[in-house]
Amino acid sequence: MPGKVVGTSLNFGFPGTYSRTSYAIVRTLPVADDSDIINFGDPLVIKPDGTVQKLVGADYMAKDFAGIAAREVKGATIYPNQDIAGYNANEPCSVFQIGSITVEVSAGDPKANGPVYLDKTTGSFVAVSGDDTIELTNCRYATSKDVNNVAELVILTRQGA
């Protein structure tokens, strides 16, 4: 009977999970009242009023990147939807600003110490440059991506308030 007991590689975890905790800066900021849900691992921008929202849109530049939505223990807010995870409008959001965290990479194959790009049209991390991407110069990939498209990303310097 054929079977597979041990895989050939380990997964890196879930988007938004701290991957190394010895050097990390995390702030809590409110989600903007006009924001869509922010999923764990989403890139964030801090608005002038001090609230955060997902960094998506043609007007944003690399300097606007302020961190990543960190995966935290959250209680469900809607009764039969116990499996929905993310930050809703007006909720406190954990903004990961320095250190190592896991993110989903939607395009390309990241390499260790490789550049990190953000697709401005989807607000997703990618490993290839394109017309609608910006390079996050304060970030580097630490690993390739696993079978679930999750890679470890390191934020080297803090941006935003």
Protein backbone atom coordinates (compact mmCIF):
# COMPACT_ATOMS: atom_id res chain seq x y z
CA MET A 1 0.00 0.00 0.00
CA PRO A 2 1.65 3.25 -1.10
CA GLY A 3 1.70 6.08 1.36
CA LYS A 4 3.58 9.12 2.48
CA VAL A 5 4.51 9.53 6.10
CA VAL A 6 7.15 12.25 6.09
CA GLY A 7 7.16 15.14 3.62
CA THR A 8 10.24 16.59 2.00
CA SER A 9 9.84 20.11 3.38
CA LEU A 10 8.23 21.93 6.27
CA ASN A 11 5.65 24.67 5.89
CA PHE A 12 6.55 28.16 7.09
CA GLY A 13 3.27 28.71 8.92
CA PHE A 14 0.36 31.05 8.42
CA PRO A 15 0.44 34.62 7.06
CA GLY A 16 0.87 37.23 9.77
CA THR A 17 2.65 34.95 12.24
CA TYR A 18 5.79 36.26 13.93
CA SER A 19 8.57 33.94 12.83
CA ARG A 20 11.29 35.19 15.18
CA THR A 21 10.45 37.12 18.32
CA SER A 22 13.82 38.27 19.66
CA TYR A 23 13.73 41.46 17.60
CA ALA A 24 10.24 42.70 16.84
CA ILE A 25 8.30 45.95 17.15
CA VAL A 26 4.51 45.71 17.12
CA ARG A 27 2.07 48.61 17.63
CA THR A 28 -1.66 48.53 18.09
CA LEU A 29 -3.62 51.01 15.99
CA PRO A 30 -7.32 51.24 15.13
CA VAL A 31 -8.59 50.10 11.75
CA ALA A 32 -10.11 52.96 9.72
CA ASP A 33 -13.89 53.12 9.90
CA ASP A 34 -14.15 52.96 6.08
CA SER A 35 -11.74 50.01 5.75
CA ASP A 36 -12.52 46.59 4.36
CA ILE A 37 -11.48 43.63 6.51
CA ILE A 38 -7.72 43.42 7.00
CA ASN A 39 -6.50 39.83 6.83
CA PHE A 40 -3.53 38.55 8.79
CA GLY A 41 -0.38 39.18 6.75
CA ASP A 42 -1.78 42.13 4.77
CA PRO A 43 0.48 45.16 4.16
CA LEU A 44 -0.71 48.29 5.94
CA VAL A 45 -0.63 52.05 5.60
CA ILE A 46 -1.15 54.52 8.46
CA LYS A 47 -3.61 57.24 7.44
CA PRO A 48 -3.18 60.88 8.59
CA ASP A 49 -5.78 60.35 11.35
CA GLY A 50 -3.67 57.54 12.90
CA THR A 51 -5.84 54.66 11.69
CA VAL A 52 -4.66 51.81 9.46
CA GLN A 53 -5.97 50.17 6.32
CA LYS A 54 -4.67 47.71 3.75
CA LEU A 55 -2.08 49.26 1.46
CA VAL A 56 -3.76 48.91 -1.92
CA GLY A 57 -4.19 51.57 -4.60
CA ALA A 58 -2.31 53.30 -7.37
CA ASP A 59 -1.51 56.42 -5.31
CA TYR A 60 0.65 54.64 -2.73
CA MET A 61 4.45 54.54 -2.81
CA ALA A 62 7.02 52.47 -0.91
CA LYS A 63 7.37 55.16 1.76
CA ASP A 64 3.70 54.61 2.70
CA PHE A 65 4.27 51.01 3.81
CA ALA A 66 3.94 51.02 7.63
CA GLY A 67 3.88 47.33 8.53
CA ILE A 68 2.01 44.04 8.31
CA ALA A 69 -1.18 42.91 10.05
CA ALA A 70 0.06 40.47 12.68
CA ARG A 71 -1.81 37.29 13.59
CA GLU A 72 -3.08 37.65 17.13
CA VAL A 73 -5.53 35.69 19.21
CA LYS A 74 -8.95 37.18 18.50
CA GLY A 75 -12.39 36.23 19.61
CA ALA A 76 -15.09 35.79 16.99
CA THR A 77 -17.35 38.82 16.64
CA ILE A 78 -20.21 37.24 14.69
CA TYR A 79 -21.97 34.13 15.93
CA PRO A 80 -22.10 31.61 13.33
CA ASN A 81 -18.88 32.81 11.60
CA GLN A 82 -16.40 31.49 14.13
CA ASP A 83 -13.70 30.85 11.51
CA ILE A 84 -13.35 34.37 10.08
CA ALA A 85 -10.01 35.85 11.05
CA GLY A 86 -8.89 39.40 10.47
CA TYR A 87 -9.39 42.94 11.65
CA ASN A 88 -12.67 44.74 10.98
CA ALA A 89 -13.31 48.49 10.80
CA ASN A 90 -12.85 50.29 14.15
CA GLU A 91 -11.12 47.28 15.79
CA PRO A 92 -7.61 47.46 17.24
CA CYS A 93 -5.04 46.03 14.80
CA SER A 94 -1.59 44.68 15.66
CA VAL A 95 0.81 46.37 13.22
CA PHE A 96 4.10 44.46 12.89
CA GLN A 97 6.75 47.10 12.07
CA ILE A 98 10.19 45.48 12.53
CA GLY A 99 11.32 41.88 12.54
CA SER A 100 10.51 38.57 10.84
CA ILE A 101 6.96 37.61 9.89
CA THR A 102 5.34 35.22 7.45
CA VAL A 103 3.39 36.50 4.43
CA GLU A 104 1.65 35.02 1.42
CA VAL A 105 3.54 35.62 -1.84
CA SER A 106 1.07 35.70 -4.74
CA ALA A 107 3.53 35.79 -7.64
CA GLY A 108 7.15 34.89 -8.32
CA ASP A 109 9.62 32.81 -6.36
CA PRO A 110 11.20 34.70 -3.48
CA LYS A 111 14.85 34.04 -2.68
CA ALA A 112 16.70 34.49 0.59
CA ASN A 113 17.81 38.14 0.85
CA GLY A 114 15.78 38.89 -2.30
CA PRO A 115 13.79 42.06 -2.91
CA VAL A 116 10.18 42.39 -1.77
CA TYR A 117 7.60 43.91 -4.08
CA LEU A 118 4.01 44.90 -3.43
CA ASP A 119 1.34 44.71 -6.11
CA LYS A 120 -0.55 47.99 -5.65
CA THR A 121 -3.65 46.76 -7.49
CA THR A 122 -4.22 43.79 -5.16
CA GLY A 123 -2.27 44.78 -2.06
CA SER A 124 -0.39 41.47 -2.15
CA PHE A 125 3.28 40.62 -1.74
CA VAL A 126 5.09 39.44 -4.86
CA ALA A 127 8.66 38.48 -5.73
CA VAL A 128 8.73 39.99 -9.22
CA SER A 129 8.78 43.58 -10.41
CA GLY A 130 6.02 44.80 -12.70
CA ASP A 131 4.11 47.86 -13.91
CA ASP A 132 1.85 47.95 -10.85
CA THR A 133 4.44 47.03 -8.21
CA ILE A 134 6.55 48.98 -5.78
CA GLU A 135 9.73 47.71 -4.15
CA LEU A 136 9.65 47.78 -0.35
CA THR A 137 13.27 48.80 0.15
CA ASN A 138 13.11 48.31 3.92
CA CYS A 139 12.17 44.60 3.51
CA ARG A 140 13.86 41.41 2.32
CA TYR A 141 12.67 37.84 1.93
CA ALA A 142 14.40 35.44 4.32
CA THR A 143 13.20 32.22 2.64
CA SER A 144 11.67 30.84 -0.50
CA LYS A 145 7.94 30.10 -0.38
CA ASP A 146 6.41 26.83 0.76
CA VAL A 147 3.69 24.80 -0.99
CA ASN A 148 1.08 27.21 0.45
CA ASN A 149 2.88 30.27 -1.03
CA VAL A 150 3.99 31.43 2.43
CA ALA A 151 7.46 32.91 2.90
CA GLU A 152 9.32 34.59 5.72
CA LEU A 153 9.79 38.33 5.24
CA VAL A 154 12.07 40.58 7.32
CA ILE A 155 11.23 44.23 7.89
CA LEU A 156 14.63 45.85 8.42
CA THR A 157 13.70 49.43 9.28
CA ARG A 158 10.58 51.06 10.67
CA GLN A 159 8.45 53.40 8.57
CA GLY A 160 5.32 55.31 9.47
CA ALA A 161 4.35 56.83 12.77
